[in-house]
Structure formats: structure tokens, C-alpha cells
Amino acid sequence: MWADEQVLDDAIDKIRFNDQGLVPVIAQSSDSGQVLMLAWMDAEAVRRTLTSGLATYWSRSRSEYWVKGETSGHRQLVKALRRDCDSDALLMLVEQAGPACHTGAPTCFNTHPDLPLMADPAAID
């Protein structure tokens, strides 16, 4: 996928990983724009994702890499990976096969009620 390994290394070097060597990644549907999930990557997970085209994350609880959908078949084919303005968060546009959430839900952000918003958004200038 990358003609020049230095280009890949330079791209990864621009990411600001936290003290644990991780960066949060938001997976978003490239088709609908729906936010699917949040996960974590280290530099190697970013490298694997960019070279394979499959979303590869770092599991903080299991301390291992995992390719989304490797066991379920609900893979994420990566269409784009973008850094935010501070380079300390990533947005990954994916073609999602099947549900994104491990619970079987289409997204990880629709299983709980919204948190209570105490301010009136219309009153905020």
C-alpha cells in the first residue's frame, strides 16, 4: 500500500500518543457518517491498519492487538485515517460489515440513555 516506508514512518511520527503510547480512535461509517465506536491504537496498530486496510486496535484490557471483526466477521475496511488539529486523536472512516458493537448493536453509542443535559441549549449564546 505504501510505496515508501519513510512516508509511513513520517505519518505515524506526527501522531501525538499519550503517556501509555496510545491514541484514541473514533470509527465512523464512511457511508452514513454514524459514529460507530471508540478504541485505542499504538504506533504499531496504526502501522498495521494503514498497511492492511483493516482496522487494527490495541486492547488495553487484554494487552494485545485485535483486528476488528477477526472472529465475528464484522470487519472494518478503512477508507481514511485522519488526525485531529492537535494530532492527539484519530478519526477513521470505515466501511463496516455488520454491527460495530460487541453487543451486536450497530454502534456502541446507542445502548444507553443520553446523559442529562442541565443547561438549555437555546439559552446559550
N, C-alpha and C. Protein backbone atom coordinates (compact mmCIF):
# COMPACT_ATOMS: atom_id res chain seq x y z
N MET A 1 0.82 -1.19 0.00
CA MET A 1 0.00 0.00 0.00
C MET A 1 0.87 1.26 0.00
N TRP A 2 1.92 1.29 0.81
CA TRP A 2 2.81 2.45 0.88
C TRP A 2 4.03 2.16 0.01
N ALA A 3 4.28 3.02 -0.95
CA ALA A 3 5.43 2.84 -1.83
C ALA A 3 6.73 3.14 -1.11
N ASP A 4 6.66 3.96 -0.09
CA ASP A 4 7.86 4.39 0.61
C ASP A 4 7.63 4.24 2.11
N GLU A 5 8.37 3.36 2.76
CA GLU A 5 8.23 3.15 4.21
C GLU A 5 8.50 4.44 4.99
N GLN A 6 9.37 5.30 4.47
CA GLN A 6 9.67 6.55 5.16
C GLN A 6 8.43 7.44 5.23
N VAL A 7 7.63 7.43 4.18
CA VAL A 7 6.39 8.21 4.18
C VAL A 7 5.47 7.71 5.30
N LEU A 8 5.37 6.40 5.45
CA LEU A 8 4.56 5.81 6.51
C LEU A 8 5.12 6.18 7.88
N ASP A 9 6.41 6.04 8.06
CA ASP A 9 7.05 6.38 9.34
C ASP A 9 6.82 7.85 9.69
N ASP A 10 6.96 8.73 8.71
CA ASP A 10 6.76 10.16 8.94
C ASP A 10 5.32 10.46 9.34
N ALA A 11 4.36 9.78 8.70
CA ALA A 11 2.95 9.99 9.04
C ALA A 11 2.66 9.55 10.47
N ILE A 12 3.19 8.41 10.88
CA ILE A 12 2.98 7.91 12.24
C ILE A 12 3.67 8.80 13.26
N ASP A 13 4.85 9.32 12.92
CA ASP A 13 5.59 10.20 13.83
C ASP A 13 4.84 11.49 14.14
N LYS A 14 3.91 11.89 13.29
CA LYS A 14 3.14 13.12 13.51
C LYS A 14 2.03 12.94 14.53
N ILE A 15 1.71 11.71 14.88
CA ILE A 15 0.66 11.44 15.86
C ILE A 15 1.21 11.65 17.26
N ARG A 16 0.44 12.32 18.10
CA ARG A 16 0.84 12.56 19.50
C ARG A 16 0.19 11.49 20.38
N PHE A 17 0.94 10.46 20.70
CA PHE A 17 0.46 9.38 21.56
C PHE A 17 0.54 9.83 23.02
N ASN A 18 -0.34 9.29 23.87
CA ASN A 18 -0.33 9.66 25.28
C ASN A 18 0.83 8.99 26.02
N ASP A 19 0.89 9.14 27.34
CA ASP A 19 1.99 8.59 28.14
C ASP A 19 2.06 7.06 28.08
N GLN A 20 0.94 6.42 27.74
CA GLN A 20 0.92 4.97 27.61
C GLN A 20 1.23 4.54 26.17
N GLY A 21 1.52 5.51 25.31
CA GLY A 21 1.83 5.20 23.92
C GLY A 21 0.60 4.95 23.07
N LEU A 22 -0.55 5.45 23.51
CA LEU A 22 -1.82 5.21 22.83
C LEU A 22 -2.45 6.50 22.34
N VAL A 23 -3.34 6.37 21.36
CA VAL A 23 -4.12 7.48 20.85
C VAL A 23 -5.56 6.99 20.68
N PRO A 24 -6.57 7.79 21.09
CA PRO A 24 -7.95 7.37 20.88
C PRO A 24 -8.32 7.48 19.40
N VAL A 25 -9.14 6.51 18.96
CA VAL A 25 -9.57 6.45 17.56
C VAL A 25 -11.08 6.32 17.53
N ILE A 26 -11.72 7.23 16.83
CA ILE A 26 -13.16 7.15 16.62
C ILE A 26 -13.38 6.52 15.25
N ALA A 27 -14.14 5.43 15.22
CA ALA A 27 -14.51 4.80 13.96
C ALA A 27 -15.86 5.35 13.54
N GLN A 28 -15.94 5.84 12.32
CA GLN A 28 -17.15 6.44 11.78
C GLN A 28 -17.47 5.79 10.44
N SER A 29 -18.75 5.54 10.19
CA SER A 29 -19.16 4.95 8.93
C SER A 29 -18.87 5.91 7.78
N SER A 30 -18.18 5.41 6.77
CA SER A 30 -17.89 6.24 5.60
C SER A 30 -19.14 6.46 4.77
N ASP A 31 -20.13 5.61 4.92
CA ASP A 31 -21.38 5.73 4.16
C ASP A 31 -22.37 6.68 4.83
N SER A 32 -22.70 6.41 6.09
CA SER A 32 -23.77 7.16 6.78
C SER A 32 -23.26 8.32 7.63
N GLY A 33 -21.97 8.28 8.00
CA GLY A 33 -21.44 9.30 8.90
C GLY A 33 -21.70 8.98 10.37
N GLN A 34 -22.37 7.86 10.65
CA GLN A 34 -22.68 7.48 12.03
C GLN A 34 -21.40 7.13 12.79
N VAL A 35 -21.29 7.63 14.02
CA VAL A 35 -20.17 7.26 14.88
C VAL A 35 -20.41 5.84 15.36
N LEU A 36 -19.45 4.97 15.14
CA LEU A 36 -19.62 3.55 15.44
C LEU A 36 -19.03 3.14 16.78
N MET A 37 -17.82 3.57 17.05
CA MET A 37 -17.14 3.12 18.27
C MET A 37 -15.91 3.97 18.54
N LEU A 38 -15.37 3.83 19.73
CA LEU A 38 -14.11 4.43 20.12
C LEU A 38 -13.20 3.32 20.59
N ALA A 39 -11.96 3.34 20.15
CA ALA A 39 -10.98 2.35 20.58
C ALA A 39 -9.62 3.03 20.66
N TRP A 40 -8.58 2.24 20.86
CA TRP A 40 -7.23 2.78 21.05
C TRP A 40 -6.26 2.13 20.09
N MET A 41 -5.26 2.90 19.68
CA MET A 41 -4.18 2.39 18.85
C MET A 41 -2.85 2.86 19.41
N ASP A 42 -1.83 2.03 19.23
CA ASP A 42 -0.46 2.48 19.43
C ASP A 42 0.16 2.61 18.04
N ALA A 43 1.41 2.94 17.97
CA ALA A 43 2.04 3.17 16.66
C ALA A 43 1.99 1.92 15.78
N GLU A 44 2.18 0.75 16.38
CA GLU A 44 2.14 -0.49 15.61
C GLU A 44 0.73 -0.77 15.07
N ALA A 45 -0.29 -0.50 15.86
CA ALA A 45 -1.67 -0.69 15.40
C ALA A 45 -1.98 0.25 14.24
N VAL A 46 -1.48 1.49 14.32
CA VAL A 46 -1.65 2.42 13.20
C VAL A 46 -0.95 1.87 11.96
N ARG A 47 0.27 1.40 12.13
CA ARG A 47 1.03 0.83 11.01
C ARG A 47 0.28 -0.36 10.39
N ARG A 48 -0.20 -1.26 11.23
CA ARG A 48 -0.92 -2.44 10.73
C ARG A 48 -2.20 -2.03 9.99
N THR A 49 -2.88 -1.04 10.54
CA THR A 49 -4.12 -0.55 9.91
C THR A 49 -3.83 0.04 8.54
N LEU A 50 -2.82 0.90 8.48
CA LEU A 50 -2.51 1.57 7.22
C LEU A 50 -1.96 0.63 6.16
N THR A 51 -1.26 -0.41 6.57
CA THR A 51 -0.68 -1.33 5.58
C THR A 51 -1.64 -2.44 5.18
N SER A 52 -2.59 -2.79 6.03
CA SER A 52 -3.52 -3.88 5.71
C SER A 52 -4.86 -3.38 5.18
N GLY A 53 -5.25 -2.16 5.57
CA GLY A 53 -6.56 -1.65 5.21
C GLY A 53 -7.67 -2.15 6.11
N LEU A 54 -7.31 -2.90 7.15
CA LEU A 54 -8.27 -3.40 8.13
C LEU A 54 -8.02 -2.72 9.47
N ALA A 55 -9.08 -2.30 10.13
CA ALA A 55 -8.96 -1.61 11.42
C ALA A 55 -8.32 -2.56 12.44
N THR A 56 -7.18 -2.15 12.96
CA THR A 56 -6.44 -2.93 13.95
C THR A 56 -6.24 -2.05 15.17
N TYR A 57 -6.64 -2.56 16.32
CA TYR A 57 -6.61 -1.78 17.55
C TYR A 57 -5.71 -2.45 18.59
N TRP A 58 -5.44 -1.68 19.66
CA TRP A 58 -4.73 -2.21 20.82
C TRP A 58 -5.75 -2.38 21.93
N SER A 59 -5.85 -3.60 22.46
CA SER A 59 -6.76 -3.87 23.57
C SER A 59 -6.05 -3.55 24.88
N ARG A 60 -6.56 -2.56 25.58
CA ARG A 60 -5.96 -2.19 26.87
C ARG A 60 -6.22 -3.26 27.91
N SER A 61 -7.36 -3.94 27.85
CA SER A 61 -7.67 -4.95 28.86
C SER A 61 -6.92 -6.26 28.63
N ARG A 62 -6.70 -6.62 27.37
CA ARG A 62 -6.01 -7.88 27.06
C ARG A 62 -4.54 -7.69 26.71
N SER A 63 -4.13 -6.44 26.54
CA SER A 63 -2.75 -6.12 26.14
C SER A 63 -2.33 -6.88 24.89
N GLU A 64 -3.16 -6.77 23.85
CA GLU A 64 -2.85 -7.41 22.57
C GLU A 64 -3.55 -6.67 21.44
N TYR A 65 -3.06 -6.89 20.24
CA TYR A 65 -3.67 -6.31 19.05
C TYR A 65 -4.89 -7.12 18.67
N TRP A 66 -5.88 -6.43 18.11
CA TRP A 66 -7.04 -7.13 17.57
C TRP A 66 -7.53 -6.44 16.31
N VAL A 67 -7.82 -7.26 15.33
CA VAL A 67 -8.38 -6.76 14.08
C VAL A 67 -9.90 -6.82 14.24
N LYS A 68 -10.54 -5.68 14.07
CA LYS A 68 -11.99 -5.62 14.24
C LYS A 68 -12.65 -6.63 13.31
N GLY A 69 -13.47 -7.50 13.89
CA GLY A 69 -14.21 -8.48 13.11
C GLY A 69 -13.47 -9.76 12.82
N GLU A 70 -12.28 -9.92 13.37
CA GLU A 70 -11.48 -11.11 13.08
C GLU A 70 -12.22 -12.39 13.45
N THR A 71 -12.94 -12.37 14.57
CA THR A 71 -13.69 -13.56 14.97
C THR A 71 -15.16 -13.48 14.58
N SER A 72 -15.75 -12.28 14.59
CA SER A 72 -17.18 -12.13 14.30
C SER A 72 -17.50 -11.98 12.81
N GLY A 73 -16.49 -11.56 12.04
CA GLY A 73 -16.74 -11.27 10.64
C GLY A 73 -17.22 -9.85 10.39
N HIS A 74 -17.39 -9.07 11.45
CA HIS A 74 -17.88 -7.69 11.35
C HIS A 74 -16.70 -6.74 11.18
N ARG A 75 -15.99 -6.91 10.10
CA ARG A 75 -14.75 -6.17 9.83
C ARG A 75 -15.01 -4.70 9.51
N GLN A 76 -13.98 -3.92 9.71
CA GLN A 76 -13.98 -2.51 9.32
C GLN A 76 -12.92 -2.33 8.24
N LEU A 77 -13.36 -2.05 7.03
CA LEU A 77 -12.45 -1.75 5.93
C LEU A 77 -12.18 -0.26 5.96
N VAL A 78 -10.93 0.11 6.10
CA VAL A 78 -10.54 1.51 6.30
C VAL A 78 -10.53 2.26 4.97
N LYS A 79 -11.26 3.37 4.96
CA LYS A 79 -11.31 4.25 3.79
C LYS A 79 -10.41 5.46 3.97
N ALA A 80 -10.26 5.93 5.21
CA ALA A 80 -9.39 7.08 5.51
C ALA A 80 -9.07 7.08 7.00
N LEU A 81 -7.91 7.60 7.34
CA LEU A 81 -7.50 7.77 8.73
C LEU A 81 -6.97 9.19 8.85
N ARG A 82 -7.61 9.98 9.73
CA ARG A 82 -7.29 11.40 9.85
C ARG A 82 -6.88 11.76 11.27
N ARG A 83 -5.93 12.68 11.37
CA ARG A 83 -5.53 13.24 12.67
C ARG A 83 -6.38 14.47 12.94
N ASP A 84 -6.66 14.75 14.22
CA ASP A 84 -7.33 16.00 14.56
C ASP A 84 -6.31 17.13 14.56
N CYS A 85 -6.76 18.34 14.86
CA CYS A 85 -5.90 19.52 14.76
C CYS A 85 -4.69 19.47 15.69
N ASP A 86 -4.80 18.74 16.81
CA ASP A 86 -3.68 18.62 17.75
C ASP A 86 -2.89 17.33 17.54
N SER A 87 -3.33 16.51 16.63
CA SER A 87 -2.69 15.22 16.33
C SER A 87 -2.72 14.26 17.51
N ASP A 88 -3.69 14.46 18.45
CA ASP A 88 -3.76 13.57 19.61
C ASP A 88 -5.04 12.73 19.64
N ALA A 89 -5.75 12.71 18.52
CA ALA A 89 -6.91 11.85 18.34
C ALA A 89 -7.03 11.55 16.85
N LEU A 90 -7.58 10.37 16.55
CA LEU A 90 -7.73 9.96 15.16
C LEU A 90 -9.19 9.71 14.83
N LEU A 91 -9.56 10.00 13.60
CA LEU A 91 -10.87 9.68 13.06
C LEU A 91 -10.65 8.72 11.91
N MET A 92 -11.28 7.55 12.00
CA MET A 92 -11.11 6.55 10.97
C MET A 92 -12.46 6.34 10.27
N LEU A 93 -12.49 6.61 8.98
CA LEU A 93 -13.68 6.36 8.18
C LEU A 93 -13.61 4.93 7.69
N VAL A 94 -14.67 4.15 7.97
CA VAL A 94 -14.65 2.73 7.67
C VAL A 94 -15.91 2.29 6.95
N GLU A 95 -15.77 1.23 6.20
CA GLU A 95 -16.91 0.51 5.66
C GLU A 95 -17.14 -0.63 6.64
N GLN A 96 -18.21 -0.55 7.39
CA GLN A 96 -18.50 -1.51 8.46
C GLN A 96 -19.31 -2.67 7.91
N ALA A 97 -18.83 -3.90 8.14
CA ALA A 97 -19.58 -5.10 7.78
C ALA A 97 -20.26 -5.62 9.04
N GLY A 98 -21.58 -5.54 9.11
CA GLY A 98 -22.31 -5.99 10.29
C GLY A 98 -22.26 -4.96 11.40
N PRO A 99 -22.71 -5.35 12.60
CA PRO A 99 -22.72 -4.40 13.72
C PRO A 99 -21.30 -4.06 14.18
N ALA A 100 -21.14 -2.84 14.66
CA ALA A 100 -19.83 -2.40 15.14
C ALA A 100 -19.60 -2.76 16.61
N CYS A 101 -20.66 -2.80 17.39
CA CYS A 101 -20.52 -3.02 18.84
C CYS A 101 -20.45 -4.51 19.16
N HIS A 102 -19.67 -4.84 20.17
CA HIS A 102 -19.54 -6.24 20.59
C HIS A 102 -20.85 -6.79 21.16
N THR A 103 -21.80 -5.89 21.48
CA THR A 103 -23.11 -6.32 21.99
C THR A 103 -24.05 -6.73 20.86
N GLY A 104 -23.63 -6.47 19.61
CA GLY A 104 -24.48 -6.75 18.46
C GLY A 104 -25.23 -5.54 17.96
N ALA A 105 -25.06 -4.40 18.64
CA ALA A 105 -25.71 -3.16 18.22
C ALA A 105 -24.94 -2.56 17.04
N PRO A 106 -25.63 -1.81 16.19
CA PRO A 106 -24.96 -1.20 15.05
C PRO A 106 -23.83 -0.24 15.45
N THR A 107 -23.99 0.42 16.59
CA THR A 107 -23.00 1.36 17.10
C THR A 107 -22.87 1.19 18.60
N CYS A 108 -21.74 1.53 19.16
CA CYS A 108 -21.54 1.45 20.61
C CYS A 108 -22.22 2.60 21.35
N PHE A 109 -22.78 3.56 20.62
CA PHE A 109 -23.33 4.76 21.24
C PHE A 109 -24.85 4.84 21.22
N ASN A 110 -25.53 3.68 21.18
CA ASN A 110 -26.99 3.76 21.20
C ASN A 110 -27.63 2.82 22.22
N THR A 111 -26.86 2.28 23.13
CA THR A 111 -27.42 1.31 24.07
C THR A 111 -27.76 1.92 25.43
N HIS A 112 -27.30 3.13 25.71
CA HIS A 112 -27.59 3.79 26.99
C HIS A 112 -28.33 5.08 26.73
N PRO A 113 -29.17 5.50 27.69
CA PRO A 113 -29.84 6.79 27.51
C PRO A 113 -28.84 7.93 27.56
N ASP A 114 -29.22 9.04 26.94
CA ASP A 114 -28.35 10.22 26.97
C ASP A 114 -28.14 10.68 28.40
N LEU A 115 -26.99 11.26 28.66
CA LEU A 115 -26.72 11.87 29.96
C LEU A 115 -27.60 13.11 30.10
N PRO A 116 -28.01 13.45 31.32
CA PRO A 116 -28.92 14.58 31.48
C PRO A 116 -28.22 15.92 31.24
N LEU A 117 -28.72 16.65 30.26
CA LEU A 117 -28.19 17.98 29.96
C LEU A 117 -28.95 18.98 30.80
N MET A 118 -28.28 19.66 31.71
CA MET A 118 -28.93 20.55 32.67
C MET A 118 -29.09 21.96 32.13
N ALA A 119 -28.34 22.32 31.11
CA ALA A 119 -28.46 23.66 30.53
C ALA A 119 -29.45 23.63 29.38
N ASP A 120 -30.06 24.77 29.12
CA ASP A 120 -30.96 24.92 27.99
C ASP A 120 -30.13 25.37 26.80
N PRO A 121 -29.92 24.49 25.80
CA PRO A 121 -29.08 24.86 24.67
C PRO A 121 -29.54 26.13 23.96
N ALA A 122 -30.84 26.41 23.98
CA ALA A 122 -31.36 27.61 23.33
C ALA A 122 -30.95 28.88 24.07
N ALA A 123 -30.64 28.74 25.36
CA ALA A 123 -30.27 29.92 26.17
C ALA A 123 -28.80 30.23 26.13
N ILE A 124 -27.99 29.37 25.53
CA ILE A 124 -26.56 29.57 25.47
C ILE A 124 -26.22 30.42 24.27
N ASP A 125 -25.53 31.51 24.50
CA ASP A 125 -25.16 32.41 23.39
C ASP A 125 -23.85 32.03 22.80
